[in-house]
Protein backbone atom coordinates (compact mmCIF):
# COMPACT_ATOMS: atom_id res chain seq x y z
CA MET A 1 -80.99 -28.80 -80.93
CA ALA A 2 -79.65 -26.62 -77.91
CA PRO A 3 -76.04 -27.62 -77.47
CA THR A 4 -75.15 -30.58 -74.40
CA GLN A 5 -73.90 -29.44 -71.35
CA LYS A 6 -70.31 -30.03 -72.67
CA ALA A 7 -70.50 -28.25 -76.15
CA LEU A 8 -72.16 -25.33 -74.11
CA LEU A 9 -69.74 -24.60 -71.60
CA ASP A 10 -66.80 -25.49 -74.56
CA SER A 11 -68.17 -22.10 -76.74
CA VAL A 12 -68.16 -19.79 -74.15
CA PRO A 13 -64.98 -17.61 -73.88
CA LYS A 14 -62.65 -18.01 -70.67
CA GLN A 15 -60.00 -15.26 -71.62
CA LEU A 16 -59.73 -11.42 -70.60
CA LEU A 17 -62.13 -9.59 -73.52
CA ILE A 18 -59.49 -6.39 -74.00
CA ALA A 19 -59.59 -3.74 -77.20
CA GLY A 20 -62.17 -6.21 -79.13
CA LYS A 21 -59.39 -9.63 -78.74
CA TRP A 22 -60.11 -12.02 -76.20
CA ARG A 23 -56.37 -12.85 -74.58
CA ASP A 24 -54.87 -14.76 -71.76
CA SER A 25 -54.20 -13.08 -68.46
CA SER A 26 -50.52 -11.91 -68.16
CA ASP A 27 -49.20 -14.23 -66.41
CA GLY A 28 -51.19 -17.14 -67.79
CA THR A 29 -53.28 -17.75 -64.44
CA THR A 30 -56.72 -19.19 -64.14
CA ILE A 31 -59.92 -19.34 -61.97
CA ALA A 32 -62.23 -22.60 -61.66
CA VAL A 33 -65.44 -22.24 -61.84
CA GLU A 34 -67.45 -24.70 -59.27
CA ASP A 35 -70.85 -26.23 -60.26
CA PRO A 36 -72.44 -25.28 -56.71
CA SER A 37 -74.99 -28.55 -56.94
CA SER A 38 -71.70 -30.91 -57.14
CA GLY A 39 -68.60 -28.83 -55.90
CA ALA A 40 -67.16 -30.03 -59.44
CA THR A 41 -65.44 -27.52 -61.41
CA LEU A 42 -67.01 -26.44 -64.39
CA ALA A 43 -64.29 -24.50 -66.44
CA ARG A 44 -60.98 -22.62 -65.69
CA VAL A 45 -61.30 -18.49 -67.24
CA ALA A 46 -58.06 -16.25 -67.19
CA ASP A 47 -57.56 -14.68 -63.97
CA ALA A 48 -56.10 -11.17 -64.78
CA THR A 49 -53.33 -9.01 -62.91
CA VAL A 50 -53.12 -5.61 -62.23
CA ALA A 51 -51.45 -4.90 -65.45
CA ASP A 52 -54.14 -6.60 -67.28
CA GLY A 53 -57.41 -4.64 -65.80
CA LYS A 54 -54.63 -0.81 -66.90
CA ALA A 55 -54.97 -2.74 -70.36
CA ALA A 56 -58.31 -3.27 -70.26
CA LEU A 57 -58.87 0.51 -69.01
CA ASP A 58 -56.16 1.80 -71.62
CA ALA A 59 -59.28 0.43 -74.46
CA ALA A 60 -61.96 2.14 -73.03
CA ALA A 61 -60.88 5.01 -72.85
CA SER A 62 -58.97 5.38 -76.67
CA ALA A 63 -62.33 4.03 -77.63
CA GLN A 64 -64.30 7.15 -75.73
CA ALA A 65 -64.42 9.68 -77.76
CA ASP A 66 -65.48 7.54 -81.20
CA TRP A 67 -68.28 6.05 -79.25
CA ALA A 68 -69.50 8.98 -77.95
CA LYS A 69 -69.84 10.58 -81.69
CA THR A 70 -71.90 7.14 -82.47
CA PRO A 71 -75.69 7.90 -83.37
CA PRO A 72 -77.90 7.27 -81.14
CA ARG A 73 -79.90 5.27 -83.75
CA ASP A 74 -76.78 2.98 -84.04
CA ARG A 75 -76.09 2.25 -80.04
CA GLY A 76 -80.06 1.49 -80.14
CA GLU A 77 -79.34 -1.17 -82.73
CA ILE A 78 -76.67 -2.69 -81.17
CA LEU A 79 -78.91 -3.06 -78.17
CA ARG A 80 -81.72 -4.43 -79.97
CA ALA A 81 -80.05 -6.48 -82.18
CA ALA A 82 -78.44 -7.99 -78.35
CA PHE A 83 -81.94 -8.15 -77.21
CA GLU A 84 -83.03 -10.36 -80.14
CA GLN A 85 -80.02 -12.53 -79.81
CA ILE A 86 -80.39 -12.63 -76.14
CA SER A 87 -84.25 -13.97 -76.49
CA GLU A 88 -83.37 -16.47 -79.49
CA ARG A 89 -80.70 -18.32 -77.04
CA ALA A 90 -82.61 -18.22 -73.97
CA ASP A 91 -82.24 -22.01 -73.13
CA GLU A 92 -78.26 -21.91 -73.89
CA PHE A 93 -78.08 -18.44 -71.56
CA ALA A 94 -80.66 -19.80 -68.97
CA MET A 95 -78.51 -23.26 -68.97
CA LEU A 96 -75.47 -21.47 -68.21
CA MET A 97 -76.56 -19.78 -65.62
CA THR A 98 -78.16 -22.85 -64.28
CA LEU A 99 -74.61 -24.26 -64.24
CA GLU A 100 -72.61 -22.04 -63.13
CA MET A 101 -75.05 -20.45 -60.23
CA GLY A 102 -76.94 -23.16 -59.13
CA LYS A 103 -80.55 -21.83 -59.73
CA THR A 104 -83.38 -23.89 -61.12
CA LEU A 105 -83.98 -23.82 -65.60
CA ALA A 106 -87.21 -21.84 -64.70
CA GLU A 107 -85.72 -19.25 -62.86
CA SER A 108 -82.50 -18.96 -65.21
CA LYS A 109 -85.15 -18.54 -67.89
CA GLY A 110 -87.07 -16.04 -65.75
CA GLU A 111 -83.63 -14.03 -65.28
CA VAL A 112 -82.91 -14.45 -69.24
CA VAL A 113 -86.37 -13.03 -69.99
CA TYR A 114 -86.13 -9.79 -67.24
CA GLY A 115 -81.77 -9.56 -68.01
CA ALA A 116 -82.69 -9.23 -71.79
CA GLU A 117 -86.00 -6.79 -71.84
CA PHE A 118 -82.95 -4.31 -70.24
CA PHE A 119 -81.44 -4.18 -73.91
CA ARG A 120 -84.55 -3.56 -75.18
CA TRP A 121 -85.76 -0.80 -72.91
CA PHE A 122 -82.24 0.87 -73.18
CA SER A 123 -81.70 0.61 -77.07
CA GLU A 124 -85.36 2.81 -76.90
CA GLU A 125 -83.87 5.09 -74.54
CA ALA A 126 -80.84 5.93 -76.51
CA VAL A 127 -82.55 8.37 -79.21
CA ARG A 128 -84.43 9.84 -76.49
CA ILE A 129 -81.67 11.64 -74.77
CA HIS A 130 -83.03 15.25 -74.19
CA GLY A 131 -81.23 18.53 -73.25
CA ARG A 132 -83.39 21.67 -73.05
CA TRP A 133 -83.79 25.36 -74.33
CA SER A 134 -85.43 28.50 -72.76
CA VAL A 135 -85.17 32.13 -72.51
CA ALA A 136 -83.48 33.51 -69.20
CA PRO A 137 -85.97 35.48 -66.91
CA ASN A 138 -84.22 38.97 -67.59
CA GLY A 139 -84.90 37.77 -71.31
CA ALA A 140 -81.01 38.61 -72.10
CA THR A 141 -79.86 35.23 -72.38
CA ARG A 142 -80.57 32.00 -74.01
CA LEU A 143 -80.08 28.92 -71.85
CA LEU A 144 -78.95 25.65 -73.42
CA THR A 145 -78.17 22.70 -71.73
CA MET A 146 -76.77 19.25 -73.29
CA LYS A 147 -76.54 15.80 -72.49
CA LYS A 148 -73.08 14.09 -73.09
CA PRO A 149 -72.26 10.57 -72.21
CA VAL A 150 -70.17 10.42 -68.75
CA GLY A 151 -67.19 8.41 -70.15
CA PRO A 152 -64.93 5.50 -69.18
CA THR A 153 -66.70 3.12 -66.57
CA LEU A 154 -65.58 0.54 -64.13
CA MET A 155 -68.65 -2.17 -63.45
CA ILE A 156 -68.45 -4.33 -60.33
CA THR A 157 -71.47 -7.22 -61.17
CA PRO A 158 -72.46 -9.40 -58.32
CA TRP A 159 -73.09 -13.48 -58.42
CA ASN A 160 -76.85 -14.32 -57.90
CA PHE A 161 -78.26 -11.98 -61.18
CA PRO A 162 -75.16 -13.01 -63.84
CA LEU A 163 -77.01 -11.84 -66.79
CA ALA A 164 -79.46 -8.92 -65.83
CA MET A 165 -76.87 -7.42 -63.39
CA GLY A 166 -75.01 -6.78 -66.41
CA THR A 167 -77.36 -6.24 -68.50
CA ARG A 168 -78.86 -3.25 -66.06
CA LYS A 169 -75.37 -1.73 -66.04
CA ILE A 170 -74.28 -2.51 -70.12
CA GLY A 171 -77.54 -1.41 -71.53
CA PRO A 172 -77.57 2.42 -70.38
CA ALA A 173 -74.00 2.64 -70.84
CA ILE A 174 -74.15 1.39 -74.29
CA ALA A 175 -77.12 3.74 -74.97
CA ALA A 176 -75.72 7.27 -73.60
CA GLY A 177 -72.31 6.38 -75.37
CA CYS A 178 -70.33 5.59 -72.83
CA THR A 179 -66.94 2.93 -72.45
CA MET A 180 -66.94 0.05 -70.00
CA VAL A 181 -64.84 -2.52 -68.38
CA VAL A 182 -66.87 -4.86 -66.72
CA LYS A 183 -65.79 -7.25 -63.96
CA PRO A 184 -67.99 -10.08 -63.47
CA ALA A 185 -68.47 -11.96 -59.66
CA SER A 186 -65.36 -14.81 -60.06
CA GLN A 187 -67.65 -17.54 -59.10
CA THR A 188 -70.38 -16.49 -62.18
CA PRO A 189 -68.38 -14.97 -64.73
CA LEU A 190 -69.21 -17.08 -67.94
CA THR A 191 -72.62 -15.83 -68.37
CA MET A 192 -70.99 -12.60 -68.33
CA LEU A 193 -68.25 -13.73 -71.45
CA ALA A 194 -70.79 -15.35 -73.35
CA LEU A 195 -72.75 -11.74 -73.50
CA ALA A 196 -69.52 -9.97 -74.14
CA GLN A 197 -69.31 -12.39 -76.99
CA LEU A 198 -72.80 -11.77 -78.30
CA LEU A 199 -72.22 -8.09 -77.89
CA MET A 200 -69.56 -8.35 -80.35
CA ASP A 201 -71.22 -10.27 -82.62
CA CYS A 202 -74.33 -7.65 -82.80
CA GLY A 203 -71.63 -4.67 -83.47
CA LEU A 204 -70.06 -3.25 -80.66
CA PRO A 205 -67.22 -1.94 -81.52
CA ALA A 206 -63.54 -2.99 -80.21
CA GLY A 207 -62.64 -1.50 -76.58
CA VAL A 208 -66.34 -0.47 -76.06
CA LEU A 209 -67.00 -3.21 -73.89
CA ASN A 210 -64.14 -4.75 -72.25
CA VAL A 211 -63.91 -7.60 -69.69
CA VAL A 212 -62.05 -8.41 -67.29
CA THR A 213 -62.14 -12.09 -64.49
CA THR A 214 -60.46 -11.51 -61.47
CA ASP A 215 -60.57 -13.84 -57.95
CA HIS A 216 -58.62 -11.09 -56.35
CA THR A 217 -61.02 -7.59 -57.16
CA GLY A 218 -59.43 -5.31 -54.71
CA GLU A 219 -55.94 -5.73 -56.33
CA VAL A 220 -56.93 -5.22 -59.75
CA MET A 221 -59.38 -2.73 -59.54
CA GLU A 222 -58.58 -0.35 -57.10
CA PRO A 223 -56.07 0.69 -59.28
CA LEU A 224 -58.75 1.84 -62.22
CA ILE A 225 -60.93 3.57 -59.61
CA ARG A 226 -57.76 5.71 -58.97
CA ASP A 227 -57.12 6.25 -62.53
CA PRO A 228 -58.10 9.40 -63.54
CA ARG A 229 -59.52 8.04 -66.94
CA LEU A 230 -62.07 6.82 -65.27
CA ARG A 231 -65.03 9.20 -64.71
CA LYS A 232 -67.91 6.34 -63.39
CA LEU A 233 -68.04 3.74 -61.05
CA THR A 234 -71.20 1.07 -60.67
CA PHE A 235 -71.33 -1.47 -58.26
CA THR A 236 -73.29 -4.09 -56.96
CA GLY A 237 -72.49 -5.91 -53.87
CA SER A 238 -72.49 -5.61 -50.16
CA THR A 239 -72.68 -2.44 -48.19
CA GLY A 240 -69.20 -3.39 -46.68
CA VAL A 241 -67.68 -3.65 -50.05
CA GLY A 242 -69.66 -0.73 -51.58
CA ARG A 243 -68.53 1.52 -48.85
CA ARG A 244 -64.87 0.96 -49.62
CA LEU A 245 -65.64 1.53 -52.90
CA VAL A 246 -66.92 4.70 -52.49
CA GLU A 247 -64.08 5.83 -50.28
CA GLN A 248 -61.91 4.52 -53.10
CA SER A 249 -63.61 6.44 -55.75
CA ALA A 250 -63.89 10.15 -53.49
CA GLU A 251 -60.26 10.48 -54.88
CA GLN A 252 -61.17 10.74 -58.41
CA LEU A 253 -64.79 12.60 -57.63
CA LEU A 254 -66.26 9.50 -59.63
CA ARG A 255 -69.82 9.48 -60.54
CA VAL A 256 -71.07 6.25 -58.54
CA SER A 257 -73.90 4.16 -58.32
CA MET A 258 -74.42 1.77 -55.56
CA GLU A 259 -76.61 -0.93 -55.30
CA LEU A 260 -75.96 -2.40 -52.05
CA GLY A 261 -77.41 -4.53 -49.48
CA GLY A 262 -81.37 -5.65 -48.75
CA ASN A 263 -83.09 -6.16 -45.33
CA ALA A 264 -86.32 -6.44 -47.26
CA PRO A 265 -89.39 -6.31 -44.68
CA PHE A 266 -92.81 -8.10 -45.61
CA LEU A 267 -95.80 -6.71 -43.90
CA VAL A 268 -99.17 -8.37 -43.72
CA PHE A 269 -102.20 -6.42 -42.44
CA GLU A 270 -105.27 -7.94 -40.69
CA ASP A 271 -107.39 -7.03 -44.06
CA ALA A 272 -104.71 -8.56 -46.27
CA ASP A 273 -106.01 -11.49 -48.97
CA LEU A 274 -103.49 -14.13 -46.68
CA ASP A 275 -103.66 -16.62 -49.46
CA ARG A 276 -102.99 -14.26 -52.23
CA ALA A 277 -99.95 -12.62 -48.83
CA VAL A 278 -98.99 -16.16 -48.97
CA ASP A 279 -98.52 -16.29 -53.06
CA GLY A 280 -96.54 -12.95 -52.54
CA ALA A 281 -94.52 -14.70 -49.74
CA MET A 282 -93.67 -17.34 -52.02
CA LEU A 283 -92.35 -15.12 -54.57
CA ALA A 284 -90.47 -12.31 -52.40
CA LYS A 285 -89.33 -14.85 -50.41
CA MET A 286 -87.70 -17.76 -52.51
CA ARG A 287 -87.34 -15.90 -55.92
CA ASN A 288 -83.73 -16.86 -57.02
CA ILE A 289 -83.25 -19.15 -53.72
CA GLY A 290 -83.65 -16.06 -51.42
CA GLU A 291 -80.48 -15.14 -52.88
CA ALA A 292 -81.61 -11.71 -53.91
CA CYS A 293 -80.93 -7.99 -51.96
CA THR A 294 -84.64 -7.76 -52.51
CA ALA A 295 -85.83 -11.35 -50.98
CA ALA A 296 -88.48 -10.60 -48.18
CA ASN A 297 -85.88 -10.97 -45.39
CA ARG A 298 -88.64 -10.39 -42.62
CA PHE A 299 -92.13 -11.15 -41.80
CA ILE A 300 -94.02 -9.00 -40.20
CA VAL A 301 -97.47 -10.18 -39.76
CA HIS A 302 -100.41 -8.43 -37.56
CA GLU A 303 -100.71 -11.02 -34.75
CA SER A 304 -104.13 -11.64 -35.38
CA VAL A 305 -103.37 -13.45 -38.63
CA ALA A 306 -100.25 -14.77 -38.15
CA GLY A 307 -101.07 -18.51 -36.83
CA GLU A 308 -103.17 -18.88 -40.56
CA PHE A 309 -100.50 -16.99 -42.65
CA SER A 310 -97.65 -18.93 -41.20
CA ARG A 311 -99.25 -22.46 -41.07
CA LYS A 312 -99.89 -21.96 -44.92
CA PHE A 313 -96.73 -20.32 -45.76
CA ALA A 314 -94.72 -23.06 -44.20
CA ALA A 315 -96.91 -25.91 -46.34
CA LYS A 316 -95.90 -24.61 -49.51
CA MET A 317 -92.13 -23.91 -48.11
CA ALA A 318 -92.39 -27.71 -47.22
CA ALA A 319 -93.76 -28.48 -50.68
CA LEU A 320 -90.97 -27.62 -52.31
CA THR A 321 -88.19 -29.94 -53.80
CA VAL A 322 -84.68 -29.24 -53.46
CA GLY A 323 -81.82 -30.42 -55.45
CA LYS A 324 -79.80 -29.61 -59.11
CA GLY A 325 -81.09 -27.12 -60.91
CA THR A 326 -81.13 -28.74 -63.91
CA LYS A 327 -83.08 -31.60 -63.01
CA LYS A 328 -86.99 -31.50 -63.65
CA GLY A 329 -89.45 -30.91 -60.50
CA VAL A 330 -86.41 -29.42 -58.63
CA ASP A 331 -88.29 -26.15 -57.29
CA VAL A 332 -85.21 -25.04 -54.97
CA GLY A 333 -81.29 -25.24 -56.22
CA PRO A 334 -77.82 -25.15 -53.94
CA LEU A 335 -77.00 -21.97 -52.49
CA ILE A 336 -73.74 -20.57 -53.87
CA ASP A 337 -71.34 -22.29 -52.28
CA GLY A 338 -70.47 -23.46 -49.08
CA LYS A 339 -69.42 -20.37 -46.56
CA ALA A 340 -73.10 -19.43 -48.08
CA ARG A 341 -74.65 -21.93 -46.68
CA ASP A 342 -72.76 -21.97 -43.48
CA GLY A 343 -73.87 -18.93 -42.60
CA VAL A 344 -77.64 -19.53 -43.06
CA SER A 345 -77.28 -22.38 -40.82
CA GLU A 346 -75.32 -19.86 -38.45
CA LEU A 347 -78.00 -17.33 -38.41
CA VAL A 348 -80.62 -20.60 -38.04
CA ALA A 349 -78.69 -21.67 -34.82
CA ASP A 350 -79.00 -18.18 -33.92
CA ALA A 351 -82.62 -17.28 -33.85
CA THR A 352 -83.31 -20.59 -32.03
CA ALA A 353 -81.12 -20.08 -29.35
CA LYS A 354 -82.66 -16.83 -28.94
CA GLY A 355 -85.72 -18.51 -28.44
CA ALA A 356 -87.51 -18.89 -32.45
CA THR A 357 -89.54 -21.85 -33.90
CA ILE A 358 -88.90 -24.00 -36.40
CA VAL A 359 -92.03 -24.43 -38.54
CA THR A 360 -90.60 -26.35 -41.35
CA GLY A 361 -86.54 -27.02 -42.75
CA GLY A 362 -84.00 -25.43 -40.51
CA ASN A 363 -81.12 -28.27 -41.84
CA GLN A 364 -78.50 -28.26 -44.52
CA VAL A 365 -79.11 -31.15 -47.06
CA PRO A 366 -76.49 -33.77 -46.74
CA GLY A 367 -74.85 -35.03 -49.35
CA ARG A 368 -72.72 -32.95 -52.29
CA GLY A 369 -73.20 -29.17 -53.02
CA TYR A 370 -74.55 -26.73 -51.18
CA PHE A 371 -78.59 -27.30 -49.93
CA PHE A 372 -80.46 -26.06 -47.62
CA GLU A 373 -84.16 -26.71 -46.69
CA PRO A 374 -86.71 -24.24 -47.14
CA THR A 375 -87.07 -23.20 -43.83
CA VAL A 376 -90.07 -20.88 -41.85
CA ILE A 377 -89.73 -19.75 -38.36
CA THR A 378 -91.88 -18.16 -35.85
CA ASP A 379 -91.43 -16.11 -32.74
CA VAL A 380 -88.37 -14.75 -33.60
CA PRO A 381 -87.17 -12.25 -31.41
CA MET A 382 -85.82 -8.81 -33.08
CA ASN A 383 -82.33 -9.35 -31.45
CA ALA A 384 -81.97 -12.34 -33.65
CA ARG A 385 -79.38 -11.71 -36.08
CA MET A 386 -81.38 -12.75 -39.10
CA MET A 387 -83.89 -9.54 -38.17
CA THR A 388 -81.02 -6.45 -38.91
CA GLU A 389 -78.85 -9.25 -41.10
CA GLU A 390 -79.64 -10.57 -44.79
CA ILE A 391 -80.17 -13.74 -44.79
CA PHE A 392 -79.26 -14.43 -48.53
CA GLY A 393 -81.40 -18.27 -48.43
CA PRO A 394 -84.42 -20.18 -48.26
CA VAL A 395 -85.04 -19.00 -44.87
CA ALA A 396 -88.36 -16.83 -43.98
CA PRO A 397 -88.54 -15.69 -40.20
CA ILE A 398 -91.62 -14.50 -38.83
CA THR A 399 -92.69 -11.98 -36.19
CA THR A 400 -95.69 -10.11 -35.51
CA PHE A 401 -97.40 -6.60 -34.80
CA ARG A 402 -100.40 -5.01 -32.91
CA THR A 403 -100.73 -1.35 -34.55
CA GLU A 404 -100.22 0.44 -38.23
CA ALA A 405 -97.41 2.41 -36.46
CA GLU A 406 -96.08 -0.59 -34.32
CA ALA A 407 -95.60 -2.62 -38.25
CA ILE A 408 -93.91 0.86 -39.48
CA ARG A 409 -91.62 0.95 -36.87
CA LYS A 410 -90.20 -2.65 -37.05
CA ALA A 411 -89.91 -2.68 -41.10
CA ASN A 412 -87.57 0.92 -40.65
CA SER A 413 -85.61 -0.75 -37.66
CA THR A 414 -82.55 -1.14 -40.25
CA GLU A 415 -79.88 0.49 -41.28
CA TYR A 416 -80.95 -1.03 -45.20
CA GLY A 417 -83.74 0.71 -47.40
CA LEU A 418 -83.86 -1.28 -50.50
CA ALA A 419 -87.22 -3.03 -50.94
CA SER A 420 -90.32 -3.71 -48.90
CA TYR A 421 -93.97 -5.02 -49.55
CA VAL A 422 -97.22 -4.67 -48.28
CA PHE A 423 -100.13 -6.58 -48.34
CA THR A 424 -103.52 -4.66 -47.11
CA GLN A 425 -106.81 -3.95 -48.90
CA ASP A 426 -107.25 -0.78 -47.24
CA VAL A 427 -106.55 2.12 -49.96
CA GLY A 428 -105.75 4.66 -47.29
CA ARG A 429 -103.17 1.92 -45.73
CA VAL A 430 -101.48 1.76 -48.67
CA ILE A 431 -100.95 5.45 -48.97
CA ARG A 432 -99.58 5.77 -45.33
CA VAL A 433 -98.01 2.92 -44.99
CA SER A 434 -95.96 3.58 -48.25
CA GLU A 435 -95.07 7.16 -47.41
CA GLY A 436 -93.56 5.80 -43.93
CA LEU A 437 -91.68 3.04 -45.28
CA GLU A 438 -87.77 4.31 -45.51
CA TYR A 439 -87.35 1.96 -48.83
CA GLY A 440 -86.44 3.11 -52.42
CA MET A 441 -89.17 0.32 -53.21
CA VAL A 442 -92.44 -0.67 -52.25
CA GLY A 443 -94.75 -3.76 -53.46
CA ILE A 444 -98.53 -3.47 -52.55
CA ASN A 445 -100.02 -6.73 -53.13
CA GLN A 446 -97.32 -8.45 -55.14
CA GLY A 447 -93.70 -10.59 -54.32
CA ILE A 448 -92.08 -8.98 -57.20
CA ILE A 449 -91.33 -4.93 -57.99
CA SER A 450 -88.35 -5.76 -59.95
CA ASN A 451 -88.91 -4.24 -63.87
CA PRO A 452 -86.76 -2.55 -66.63
CA ALA A 453 -89.18 0.16 -66.96
CA ALA A 454 -89.10 1.35 -63.24
CA PRO A 455 -86.47 2.87 -61.17
CA PHE A 456 -84.52 0.32 -58.83
CA GLY A 457 -82.63 1.44 -55.80
CA GLY A 458 -82.50 2.08 -52.41
CA VAL A 459 -81.16 4.50 -49.67
CA LYS A 460 -80.08 4.07 -46.74
CA ALA A 461 -77.12 1.50 -46.37
CA SER A 462 -78.73 0.41 -49.35
CA GLY A 463 -77.56 2.69 -51.85
CA PHE A 464 -78.01 5.47 -54.27
CA GLY A 465 -78.58 5.53 -58.00
CA ARG A 466 -81.12 4.21 -59.87
CA GLU A 467 -81.03 1.05 -62.55
CA GLY A 468 -83.58 1.30 -65.22
CA GLY A 469 -86.48 3.09 -65.60
CA PHE A 470 -86.26 6.40 -67.48
CA GLU A 471 -83.87 7.36 -64.93
CA GLY A 472 -81.82 4.42 -65.44
CA ILE A 473 -79.76 6.61 -68.14
CA GLU A 474 -79.32 9.58 -66.22
CA GLU A 475 -76.40 7.36 -64.17
CA TYR A 476 -74.43 7.89 -67.73
CA LEU A 477 -74.76 11.62 -68.65
CA GLU A 478 -73.72 14.56 -67.57
CA THR A 479 -75.45 17.81 -68.03
CA THR A 480 -73.74 21.36 -69.58
CA TYR A 481 -75.13 24.74 -69.92
CA VAL A 482 -74.21 26.60 -72.23
CA GLY A 483 -75.73 30.69 -71.91
CA ILE A 484 -76.33 32.02 -74.98
CA ALA A 485 -76.32 36.04 -75.83
CA PRO A 486 -78.32 36.48 -78.60
C-alpha cells in the first residue's frame, strides 16, 4: 500500500547530506517548501551556510581517489539497483514531485520513468569507457589514450524536473567515477533528498554524493566554484544565471556543462498532417504545464493552414481541466509560484496590447494556488515579448509564414538554440530545414524528443555540453595521452 501524503513527506530526509551523514545546517536555519497548488508549507529543509557548502566539497574531494578506483562494474551495479528501486517506488516519487512542483500525477509518473532511465542507461555505459591504442604514423611511437574521471563536480539542478534533472547529471558522474556536490532548487528539494537516500541504500559510498539545500545559492556556491579542488560545474537553469556561473568558473578553468534557456519554434508546413501536428503541439506545449526549456514557445504556421490549426489547437487547449495535480481528472496543475504566474500574465498582456488576439484562456485562475488558463493567442507580432522570451507556462502564441526560407528565418530569430519542432511530410524539406535550424535538437513530426539514449543540449545562448546518449558520459571524463617508445 502506498503511504499517505503525510507519511511520504515525513519519510523524506530534511537535512544536508555530507560525507554520508544527514545533518542540520551549521546555523540551524531552514527553508519552507511550498505546495504551489495552495501556497501551504509542505515541509522545511535545512538552509546551508557557506561552511556547510565547504564541508560538502571537503567530503567529495576526500572520496574522489577511492571512488575513481572503484571497478566500473561496481559503479554500474549501483546505478542499476537505483534504477530498479526508483521503478518499484514510482508512485511515491510521483506523488512527492506533484506535491512540491505541482504537475499532475500522470506527468510525474512520466518523469519517474524518464528519470530512472538515465540510471539504467549509464549503468550500461560505465563498463564501456574506451581508450585506444595505435601506432604513430612514423612507426617510432605507440599512442595510448585513456579516460579518467574529471573529479569532484558541482551540480546545480532546477525545480521543473526534480527527479530527471538530477538523474541526468548524477548517472554519468557515478558511471565515470566522479564525486559530487548537488544543490537542488529550493522550491523542489524533497525529490533530490529522497533520491540521495535511495542511492545510499543502494550502496553508494559515503562522500560520493553530497546534497546541499540552500535558499541563498550564490553565496554558498560561489566559494565552491572558485575552490581549486572542484574540477567540473554542471548547471541547468536560466541563461542569465548560467552566464554568471561561467564567468565564475573561468578562475579555475573548470570543465563546464550548461543547459540553459530555450525559445523553441514549432513549425507547421502546408503539407503537414494537421491532426498529428495539433497532437504534437499539445505535447510540445503542455508537457510539464509548459514549464520546460524544451517547451514549444512559438508556433510558426504556414498561412494556408494557420486558421484550421489554430481552431483545432484552441479546442484541445480549452478542453483541459485545471486544478490540483493530485486530483483525478486534472490535466493542468499550477505554476511553480506567484512570480511565475505573474510573469506569464505580463507576457499575455504585452502581446494583446500589441495587437494579438486571445482565442482561448488568457487569465489567471482566481483562488488559492498559482494557476493559469491554457491559452492560445493568434496574430502575435514579432515584437511581442513572448516571441523572444521564454514563456514557461501554458500559453501558445501563433504567427504565420509564407515561404520555407521565411519559416527558418523566423525560427532562428532568437538568441536561444535548444529544441525545435517541424511538421511536414516532405522528406527533402526535413533535410533542408533540419540543416537550416540553429538548434541542438530537432523533432520531426513529434512533440517530445527528449530521450536518455540521445544527446540533450543546445547551441548559442542555450548553452553547451550534452547530457544523455553516448556523449553524456564524456562530459565527466578527461583524456590522457601516453606516448610509448617500443
